[in-house]
Every structure is written in structure tokens, then in C-alpha cells.
Amino acid sequence: MLYKVTLENILFLDIETVPEFSQFEELSEEKKELWAHKTQYQRKEDFTPEEFYDRAGIWAEFGIIVCISVGYFTFKGDQRTFRVTSIHGDEKAILTEFKTLLETHYYESYKLLCGHNAKEFDFPFIARRMIIHGIKLPSKLNLFGKKPWEIPHLDTMELWKFGDYKHFTSLKLLTNILNIPSPKDDIDGSMVYQTFYIEKDIDKIITYCEKDVVAVAQIFLRLRGEELLEDSEIKHV
């Protein structure tokens, strides 16, 4: 199946998330208790709920999406182009625009979404935040009642597992071992909180997110045995 998928029918994506509030103190007393209970296993005795709050962005119940970056292939004769763009701003506006994108350009059943560890993180996170905001799920994210082969999602980490469900490989590691160029960044995922709330530099986050989208596309090409994208083939729009 991997080799039968038409590249132009895939929307590659990545999201960046942060805690819903900049400080733990901004949570209501009830939400503080819920946060403490939710993270008790992860924190153990090493961190207090407050000390652990900068990691709240990994849970849809306590985090928000600040950027969704997407990329897609276009072909003109033998010329291949990978176009990358980002949606950012108010979270509800981000989700609404992303839903519109899916429903106007990727609504057909044969069109797919692809990310790295996206089945475990990106796709469910987006869906949960849409529901929290009262946004009706687009078909591409509404998995209720669908059979496994009807789910229009690809995941480069899952593809790399080859059936080994215990295996986790980060995007950074996979690009390294597959010899995919990965430019050094000023930030990594653990620094998005500081970049957003303290430095207030959304442009840096967008750049980081878009590079991850390119990396996912490169991994997909490598898994198919195809030539990697050259810098001249990547267009930021």
C-alpha cells in the first residue's frame, strides 16, 4: 500500500502545543486538583504539580494548540514541489481553519493525513481540542465506527515499527539514522513553552514546526525508496 499511495493525496502535518495558561497559579482550584491527579503517575515524588506544569501541553485537557503546520506535494511535469504553510493565532480560529482545509481539499476518502507519532498525539489532540471548543469533527478526524482500514491516517513512526508495538523512535533519531538532513534548530519540543510564553516568539515556533513537517515528508520518501527533497523543491507559502 505504501507504494500505491499518490504523494499528492497526502497532507503532512505537525502541531505545537503549550499549557493552556502561562502559570500554574492561573488554574482554578478544581483544575489544580485535577492536574495533580492526572499527572501523579508521571511526577511520582520528583515534582510537585506546580513544578510539572510546564509539561501540560502534552495533554489535550490541559494544553492548547498554538500552531498547525502542513505540507503537500505538487507536480508539474517532472518538477516536484513540496509546499509548507502554517496556521497560528487563537486556538479556536486555528482549529476552524484547519477543519475548513480538510473539508475543502482533503475530504475525499482516498486522501490521507500523515505525521510522526500522529496517531498517538497529533490526531487525537486536534480532535479533542475541537470537541472542547464545540467544533464538529471533520470526517478525517471522526473515527467512531470506522474499521482500521477505513481510517485515513498514516504515521511514519508506525511505519518504522514494522509491527513492533513496543518500539518508539523520535523524529530526530529517525532523520539521523536515515541520513536525512536535519538543520540544527534554536529550539526543540521541550522549549516551546518558554518560546511561547516567555520569549513570545511565535515565528520561531512556526519555523520549528514547519521543519518537522518537511522531516516527516522526507522520512516518507525514504521509506518508499524515493529521492529526498532538495532545498530548492521546498517552498514556504
C-alpha atoms as a PDB file:
ATOM      1  CA  MET A   1       0.000   0.000   0.000  1.00  0.00           C
ATOM      2  CA  LEU A   2       2.807   2.404   0.857  1.00  0.00           C
ATOM      3  CA  TYR A   3       3.989   2.433  -2.740  1.00  0.00           C
ATOM      4  CA  LYS A   4       0.491   2.775  -4.172  1.00  0.00           C
ATOM      5  CA  VAL A   5      -0.344   5.985  -2.320  1.00  0.00           C
ATOM      6  CA  THR A   6      -0.161   9.049  -4.561  1.00  0.00           C
ATOM      7  CA  LEU A   7       2.014  11.691  -2.904  1.00  0.00           C
ATOM      8  CA  GLU A   8      -0.329  14.480  -3.986  1.00  0.00           C
ATOM      9  CA  ASN A   9      -3.102  12.862  -1.928  1.00  0.00           C
ATOM     10  CA  ILE A  10      -1.258  13.170   1.394  1.00  0.00           C
ATOM     11  CA  LEU A  11      -1.388  16.117   3.779  1.00  0.00           C
ATOM     12  CA  PHE A  12       1.690  16.034   6.013  1.00  0.00           C
ATOM     13  CA  LEU A  13       1.301  17.842   9.312  1.00  0.00           C
ATOM     14  CA  ASP A  14       2.698  18.647  12.735  1.00  0.00           C
ATOM     15  CA  ILE A  15       1.355  20.603  15.698  1.00  0.00           C
ATOM     16  CA  GLU A  16       2.946  22.584  18.512  1.00  0.00           C
ATOM     17  CA  THR A  17       1.229  22.759  21.872  1.00  0.00           C
ATOM     18  CA  VAL A  18       1.712  24.606  25.162  1.00  0.00           C
ATOM     19  CA  PRO A  19      -0.062  24.650  28.546  1.00  0.00           C
ATOM     20  CA  GLU A  20      -3.402  26.446  28.440  1.00  0.00           C
ATOM     21  CA  PHE A  21      -2.136  29.049  30.928  1.00  0.00           C
ATOM     22  CA  SER A  22       1.325  30.509  31.355  1.00  0.00           C
ATOM     23  CA  GLN A  23       1.451  29.752  35.090  1.00  0.00           C
ATOM     24  CA  PHE A  24       0.062  27.038  37.355  1.00  0.00           C
ATOM     25  CA  GLU A  25      -1.459  29.711  39.604  1.00  0.00           C
ATOM     26  CA  GLU A  26      -3.859  30.719  36.825  1.00  0.00           C
ATOM     27  CA  LEU A  27      -5.693  27.399  37.071  1.00  0.00           C
ATOM     28  CA  SER A  28      -8.865  27.200  39.132  1.00  0.00           C
ATOM     29  CA  GLU A  29      -8.592  25.277  42.390  1.00  0.00           C
ATOM     30  CA  GLU A  30     -10.589  22.420  40.889  1.00  0.00           C
ATOM     31  CA  LYS A  31      -8.371  22.319  37.799  1.00  0.00           C
ATOM     32  CA  LYS A  32      -5.254  22.293  40.020  1.00  0.00           C
ATOM     33  CA  GLU A  33      -6.560  19.219  41.814  1.00  0.00           C
ATOM     34  CA  LEU A  34      -7.431  17.551  38.530  1.00  0.00           C
ATOM     35  CA  TRP A  35      -3.963  18.336  37.190  1.00  0.00           C
ATOM     36  CA  ALA A  36      -2.325  16.876  40.295  1.00  0.00           C
ATOM     37  CA  HIS A  37      -4.369  13.700  39.951  1.00  0.00           C
ATOM     38  CA  LYS A  38      -3.825  13.413  36.181  1.00  0.00           C
ATOM     39  CA  THR A  39      -0.030  13.665  36.480  1.00  0.00           C
ATOM     40  CA  GLN A  40       0.529  11.765  39.709  1.00  0.00           C
ATOM     41  CA  TYR A  41       1.985   8.718  37.968  1.00  0.00           C
ATOM     42  CA  GLN A  42       4.347  10.749  35.749  1.00  0.00           C
ATOM     43  CA  ARG A  43       5.504  13.061  38.548  1.00  0.00           C
ATOM     44  CA  LYS A  44       5.875  10.434  41.265  1.00  0.00           C
ATOM     45  CA  GLU A  45       7.698  12.139  44.145  1.00  0.00           C
ATOM     46  CA  ASP A  46      10.128  14.028  41.914  1.00  0.00           C
ATOM     47  CA  PHE A  47       7.983  17.075  41.105  1.00  0.00           C
ATOM     48  CA  THR A  48       5.121  18.992  42.643  1.00  0.00           C
ATOM     49  CA  PRO A  49       2.092  19.635  40.404  1.00  0.00           C
ATOM     50  CA  GLU A  50       3.239  23.237  40.019  1.00  0.00           C
ATOM     51  CA  GLU A  51       6.800  22.264  39.051  1.00  0.00           C
ATOM     52  CA  PHE A  52       5.420  19.847  36.473  1.00  0.00           C
ATOM     53  CA  TYR A  53       3.018  22.314  34.876  1.00  0.00           C
ATOM     54  CA  ASP A  54       5.335  23.427  32.065  1.00  0.00           C
ATOM     55  CA  ARG A  55       4.697  19.990  30.536  1.00  0.00           C
ATOM     56  CA  ALA A  56       0.926  20.428  30.479  1.00  0.00           C
ATOM     57  CA  GLY A  57       0.979  20.978  26.726  1.00  0.00           C
ATOM     58  CA  ILE A  58       1.147  17.244  26.032  1.00  0.00           C
ATOM     59  CA  TRP A  59      -2.370  16.676  27.419  1.00  0.00           C
ATOM     60  CA  ALA A  60      -5.329  17.991  25.428  1.00  0.00           C
ATOM     61  CA  GLU A  61      -7.264  18.501  28.666  1.00  0.00           C
ATOM     62  CA  PHE A  62      -4.671  20.996  29.912  1.00  0.00           C
ATOM     63  CA  GLY A  63      -2.923  22.231  26.780  1.00  0.00           C
ATOM     64  CA  ILE A  64      -3.698  24.250  23.660  1.00  0.00           C
ATOM     65  CA  ILE A  65      -2.518  24.216  20.057  1.00  0.00           C
ATOM     66  CA  VAL A  66      -0.553  27.306  19.012  1.00  0.00           C
ATOM     67  CA  CYS A  67       0.476  26.188  15.527  1.00  0.00           C
ATOM     68  CA  ILE A  68      -0.517  23.621  12.916  1.00  0.00           C
ATOM     69  CA  SER A  69       1.908  23.312  10.018  1.00  0.00           C
ATOM     70  CA  VAL A  70       1.015  21.377   6.885  1.00  0.00           C
ATOM     71  CA  GLY A  71       2.860  20.351   3.745  1.00  0.00           C
ATOM     72  CA  TYR A  72       1.803  18.839   0.432  1.00  0.00           C
ATOM     73  CA  PHE A  73       3.362  17.759  -2.843  1.00  0.00           C
ATOM     74  CA  THR A  74       2.575  19.265  -6.220  1.00  0.00           C
ATOM     75  CA  PHE A  75       3.885  18.081  -9.577  1.00  0.00           C
ATOM     76  CA  LYS A  76       4.267  19.943 -12.833  1.00  0.00           C
ATOM     77  CA  GLY A  77       5.690  17.565 -15.386  1.00  0.00           C
ATOM     78  CA  ASP A  78       8.886  16.216 -13.848  1.00  0.00           C
ATOM     79  CA  GLN A  79       9.130  19.135 -11.417  1.00  0.00           C
ATOM     80  CA  ARG A  80       8.325  18.213  -7.834  1.00  0.00           C
ATOM     81  CA  THR A  81       7.493  20.851  -5.211  1.00  0.00           C
ATOM     82  CA  PHE A  82       6.717  20.475  -1.518  1.00  0.00           C
ATOM     83  CA  ARG A  83       4.716  23.418  -0.211  1.00  0.00           C
ATOM     84  CA  VAL A  84       4.623  24.195   3.507  1.00  0.00           C
ATOM     85  CA  THR A  85       2.370  26.610   5.345  1.00  0.00           C
ATOM     86  CA  SER A  86       1.210  27.225   8.919  1.00  0.00           C
ATOM     87  CA  ILE A  87      -1.922  28.208  10.810  1.00  0.00           C
ATOM     88  CA  HIS A  88      -1.435  30.088  14.075  1.00  0.00           C
ATOM     89  CA  GLY A  89      -3.170  32.569  16.384  1.00  0.00           C
ATOM     90  CA  ASP A  90      -6.254  31.980  18.528  1.00  0.00           C
ATOM     91  CA  GLU A  91      -6.714  28.245  19.054  1.00  0.00           C
ATOM     92  CA  LYS A  92     -10.363  28.078  18.008  1.00  0.00           C
ATOM     93  CA  ALA A  93      -9.524  30.014  14.851  1.00  0.00           C
ATOM     94  CA  ILE A  94      -6.620  27.627  14.155  1.00  0.00           C
ATOM     95  CA  LEU A  95      -8.879  24.597  14.505  1.00  0.00           C
ATOM     96  CA  THR A  96     -11.665  26.141  12.434  1.00  0.00           C
ATOM     97  CA  GLU A  97      -9.287  26.983   9.593  1.00  0.00           C
ATOM     98  CA  PHE A  98      -7.742  23.521   9.717  1.00  0.00           C
ATOM     99  CA  LYS A  99     -11.200  21.941   9.568  1.00  0.00           C
ATOM    100  CA  THR A 100     -12.023  24.074   6.535  1.00  0.00           C
ATOM    101  CA  LEU A 101      -8.807  22.902   4.859  1.00  0.00           C
ATOM    102  CA  LEU A 102      -9.736  19.263   5.439  1.00  0.00           C
ATOM    103  CA  GLU A 103     -13.304  19.702   4.247  1.00  0.00           C
ATOM    104  CA  THR A 104     -12.468  21.643   1.095  1.00  0.00           C
ATOM    105  CA  HIS A 105      -9.277  19.976  -0.139  1.00  0.00           C
ATOM    106  CA  TYR A 106      -8.929  16.628   1.683  1.00  0.00           C
ATOM    107  CA  TYR A 107     -12.496  15.399   2.076  1.00  0.00           C
ATOM    108  CA  GLU A 108     -12.220  12.541  -0.440  1.00  0.00           C
ATOM    109  CA  SER A 109     -11.796   9.091   1.116  1.00  0.00           C
ATOM    110  CA  TYR A 110      -8.579   8.419  -0.783  1.00  0.00           C
ATOM    111  CA  LYS A 111      -6.823  11.472   0.658  1.00  0.00           C
ATOM    112  CA  LEU A 112      -4.741  10.880   3.766  1.00  0.00           C
ATOM    113  CA  LEU A 113      -3.183  12.672   6.720  1.00  0.00           C
ATOM    114  CA  CYS A 114       0.381  11.859   7.754  1.00  0.00           C
ATOM    115  CA  GLY A 115       2.508  12.765  10.770  1.00  0.00           C
ATOM    116  CA  HIS A 116       5.120  11.287  13.086  1.00  0.00           C
ATOM    117  CA  ASN A 117       3.592   9.643  16.158  1.00  0.00           C
ATOM    118  CA  ALA A 118       0.467  11.411  14.931  1.00  0.00           C
ATOM    119  CA  LYS A 119      -1.904   8.543  15.699  1.00  0.00           C
ATOM    120  CA  GLU A 120      -0.902   8.760  19.357  1.00  0.00           C
ATOM    121  CA  PHE A 121      -0.552  12.535  19.631  1.00  0.00           C
ATOM    122  CA  ASP A 122      -1.387  14.983  16.821  1.00  0.00           C
ATOM    123  CA  PHE A 123      -4.640  13.497  15.505  1.00  0.00           C
ATOM    124  CA  PRO A 124      -6.309  12.790  18.875  1.00  0.00           C
ATOM    125  CA  PHE A 125      -5.050  16.102  20.309  1.00  0.00           C
ATOM    126  CA  ILE A 126      -6.607  18.076  17.443  1.00  0.00           C
ATOM    127  CA  ALA A 127      -9.856  16.109  17.703  1.00  0.00           C
ATOM    128  CA  ARG A 128     -10.128  16.590  21.470  1.00  0.00           C
ATOM    129  CA  ARG A 129      -9.454  20.319  21.268  1.00  0.00           C
ATOM    130  CA  MET A 130     -12.091  20.652  18.537  1.00  0.00           C
ATOM    131  CA  ILE A 131     -14.653  18.951  20.748  1.00  0.00           C
ATOM    132  CA  ILE A 132     -13.676  21.151  23.706  1.00  0.00           C
ATOM    133  CA  HIS A 133     -14.317  24.211  21.514  1.00  0.00           C
ATOM    134  CA  GLY A 134     -17.625  22.837  20.261  1.00  0.00           C
ATOM    135  CA  ILE A 135     -16.351  22.290  16.723  1.00  0.00           C
ATOM    136  CA  LYS A 136     -17.950  19.355  14.914  1.00  0.00           C
ATOM    137  CA  LEU A 137     -15.265  16.902  13.855  1.00  0.00           C
ATOM    138  CA  PRO A 138     -14.446  16.710  10.151  1.00  0.00           C
ATOM    139  CA  SER A 139     -14.692  13.247   8.632  1.00  0.00           C
ATOM    140  CA  LYS A 140     -10.899  12.840   8.532  1.00  0.00           C
ATOM    141  CA  LEU A 141     -10.745  13.042  12.338  1.00  0.00           C
ATOM    142  CA  ASN A 142     -14.011  11.321  13.223  1.00  0.00           C
ATOM    143  CA  LEU A 143     -13.006   7.696  13.722  1.00  0.00           C
ATOM    144  CA  PHE A 144     -16.131   6.465  15.505  1.00  0.00           C
ATOM    145  CA  GLY A 145     -17.378   3.245  13.939  1.00  0.00           C
ATOM    146  CA  LYS A 146     -14.659   3.102  11.296  1.00  0.00           C
ATOM    147  CA  LYS A 147     -12.804  -0.116  10.589  1.00  0.00           C
ATOM    148  CA  PRO A 148      -8.974   0.041  10.842  1.00  0.00           C
ATOM    149  CA  TRP A 149      -8.548   0.046   7.063  1.00  0.00           C
ATOM    150  CA  GLU A 150     -11.024   2.909   6.732  1.00  0.00           C
ATOM    151  CA  ILE A 151      -9.020   5.284   8.925  1.00  0.00           C
ATOM    152  CA  PRO A 152      -7.323   7.827   6.602  1.00  0.00           C
ATOM    153  CA  HIS A 153      -4.191   8.266   8.714  1.00  0.00           C
ATOM    154  CA  LEU A 154      -0.543   7.460   8.073  1.00  0.00           C
ATOM    155  CA  ASP A 155       2.114   7.585  10.774  1.00  0.00           C
ATOM    156  CA  THR A 156       5.823   7.458   9.937  1.00  0.00           C
ATOM    157  CA  MET A 157       6.643   6.137  13.406  1.00  0.00           C
ATOM    158  CA  GLU A 158       4.133   3.311  12.966  1.00  0.00           C
ATOM    159  CA  LEU A 159       5.530   2.549   9.526  1.00  0.00           C
ATOM    160  CA  TRP A 160       9.016   2.329  11.034  1.00  0.00           C
ATOM    161  CA  LYS A 161       7.820  -0.078  13.743  1.00  0.00           C
ATOM    162  CA  PHE A 162       7.092  -2.828  11.193  1.00  0.00           C
ATOM    163  CA  GLY A 163       4.639  -4.387  13.632  1.00  0.00           C
ATOM    164  CA  ASP A 164       6.757  -3.895  16.773  1.00  0.00           C
ATOM    165  CA  TYR A 165       4.241  -2.117  19.007  1.00  0.00           C
ATOM    166  CA  LYS A 166       6.737  -1.560  21.826  1.00  0.00           C
ATOM    167  CA  HIS A 167       9.145   0.435  19.726  1.00  0.00           C
ATOM    168  CA  PHE A 168       9.323   4.239  19.936  1.00  0.00           C
ATOM    169  CA  THR A 169      11.624   6.224  17.653  1.00  0.00           C
ATOM    170  CA  SER A 170      11.706  10.013  17.784  1.00  0.00           C
ATOM    171  CA  LEU A 171      11.574  12.136  14.659  1.00  0.00           C
ATOM    172  CA  LYS A 172      15.068  13.423  15.392  1.00  0.00           C
ATOM    173  CA  LEU A 173      16.527   9.924  15.737  1.00  0.00           C
ATOM    174  CA  LEU A 174      14.796   8.645  12.616  1.00  0.00           C
ATOM    175  CA  THR A 175      16.061  11.503  10.450  1.00  0.00           C
ATOM    176  CA  ASN A 176      19.562  10.821  11.787  1.00  0.00           C
ATOM    177  CA  ILE A 177      19.655   7.096  11.105  1.00  0.00           C
ATOM    178  CA  LEU A 178      18.032   7.522   7.683  1.00  0.00           C
ATOM    179  CA  ASN A 179      20.644  10.143   6.786  1.00  0.00           C
ATOM    180  CA  ILE A 180      18.039  12.845   6.254  1.00  0.00           C
ATOM    181  CA  PRO A 181      19.360  16.402   6.564  1.00  0.00           C
ATOM    182  CA  SER A 182      18.041  17.932   9.778  1.00  0.00           C
ATOM    183  CA  PRO A 183      19.183  21.535  10.263  1.00  0.00           C
ATOM    184  CA  LYS A 184      20.086  22.489  13.815  1.00  0.00           C
ATOM    185  CA  ASP A 185      17.334  24.479  15.467  1.00  0.00           C
ATOM    186  CA  ASP A 186      17.345  27.122  18.154  1.00  0.00           C
ATOM    187  CA  ILE A 187      14.641  25.175  19.980  1.00  0.00           C
ATOM    188  CA  ASP A 188      13.306  21.663  20.467  1.00  0.00           C
ATOM    189  CA  GLY A 189       9.947  20.417  21.681  1.00  0.00           C
ATOM    190  CA  SER A 190      10.810  20.921  25.341  1.00  0.00           C
ATOM    191  CA  MET A 191      11.459  24.625  24.735  1.00  0.00           C
ATOM    192  CA  VAL A 192       8.163  25.548  23.041  1.00  0.00           C
ATOM    193  CA  TYR A 193       6.622  26.586  26.377  1.00  0.00           C
ATOM    194  CA  GLN A 194       9.411  29.068  27.084  1.00  0.00           C
ATOM    195  CA  THR A 195       9.472  30.316  23.499  1.00  0.00           C
ATOM    196  CA  PHE A 196       5.719  30.967  23.502  1.00  0.00           C
ATOM    197  CA  TYR A 197       5.080  32.357  26.969  1.00  0.00           C
ATOM    198  CA  ILE A 198       8.389  33.970  27.918  1.00  0.00           C
ATOM    199  CA  GLU A 199      10.075  34.920  24.659  1.00  0.00           C
ATOM    200  CA  LYS A 200       6.709  35.387  22.909  1.00  0.00           C
ATOM    201  CA  ASP A 201       8.310  34.339  19.620  1.00  0.00           C
ATOM    202  CA  ILE A 202       5.659  32.545  17.603  1.00  0.00           C
ATOM    203  CA  ASP A 203       7.733  32.864  14.425  1.00  0.00           C
ATOM    204  CA  LYS A 204      10.432  30.672  15.939  1.00  0.00           C
ATOM    205  CA  ILE A 205       7.811  28.068  16.815  1.00  0.00           C
ATOM    206  CA  ILE A 206       6.371  28.175  13.292  1.00  0.00           C
ATOM    207  CA  THR A 207       9.829  27.648  11.788  1.00  0.00           C
ATOM    208  CA  TYR A 208      10.423  24.681  14.097  1.00  0.00           C
ATOM    209  CA  CYS A 209       7.013  23.184  13.303  1.00  0.00           C
ATOM    210  CA  GLU A 210       7.456  23.556   9.540  1.00  0.00           C
ATOM    211  CA  LYS A 211      10.869  21.878   9.676  1.00  0.00           C
ATOM    212  CA  ASP A 212       9.229  18.904  11.365  1.00  0.00           C
ATOM    213  CA  VAL A 213       6.654  18.698   8.569  1.00  0.00           C
ATOM    214  CA  VAL A 214       9.453  18.617   5.993  1.00  0.00           C
ATOM    215  CA  ALA A 215      11.216  15.929   8.036  1.00  0.00           C
ATOM    216  CA  VAL A 216       8.077  13.771   8.061  1.00  0.00           C
ATOM    217  CA  ALA A 217       7.778  14.071   4.282  1.00  0.00           C
ATOM    218  CA  GLN A 218      11.451  13.172   3.871  1.00  0.00           C
ATOM    219  CA  ILE A 219      11.041  10.073   6.045  1.00  0.00           C
ATOM    220  CA  PHE A 220       8.027   9.032   3.990  1.00  0.00           C
ATOM    221  CA  LEU A 221      10.040   9.379   0.786  1.00  0.00           C
ATOM    222  CA  ARG A 222      12.903   7.368   2.271  1.00  0.00           C
ATOM    223  CA  LEU A 223      10.511   4.593   3.345  1.00  0.00           C
ATOM    224  CA  ARG A 224       9.290   4.432  -0.253  1.00  0.00           C
ATOM    225  CA  GLY A 225      12.840   4.363  -1.593  1.00  0.00           C
ATOM    226  CA  GLU A 226      12.468   7.701  -3.376  1.00  0.00           C
ATOM    227  CA  GLU A 227      14.834  10.622  -3.713  1.00  0.00           C
ATOM    228  CA  LEU A 228      14.808  13.106  -0.855  1.00  0.00           C
ATOM    229  CA  LEU A 229      13.635  16.660  -1.364  1.00  0.00           C
ATOM    230  CA  GLU A 230      16.237  19.227  -2.306  1.00  0.00           C
ATOM    231  CA  ASP A 231      16.091  22.644  -0.642  1.00  0.00           C
ATOM    232  CA  SER A 232      15.071  24.154  -3.989  1.00  0.00           C
ATOM    233  CA  GLU A 233      11.979  21.911  -4.032  1.00  0.00           C
ATOM    234  CA  ILE A 234      10.670  23.148  -0.681  1.00  0.00           C
ATOM    235  CA  LYS A 235       8.501  26.263  -0.789  1.00  0.00           C
ATOM    236  CA  HIS A 236       7.160  28.080   2.280  1.00  0.00           C
ATOM    237  CA  VAL A 237       3.855  29.751   1.426  1.00  0.00           C
END
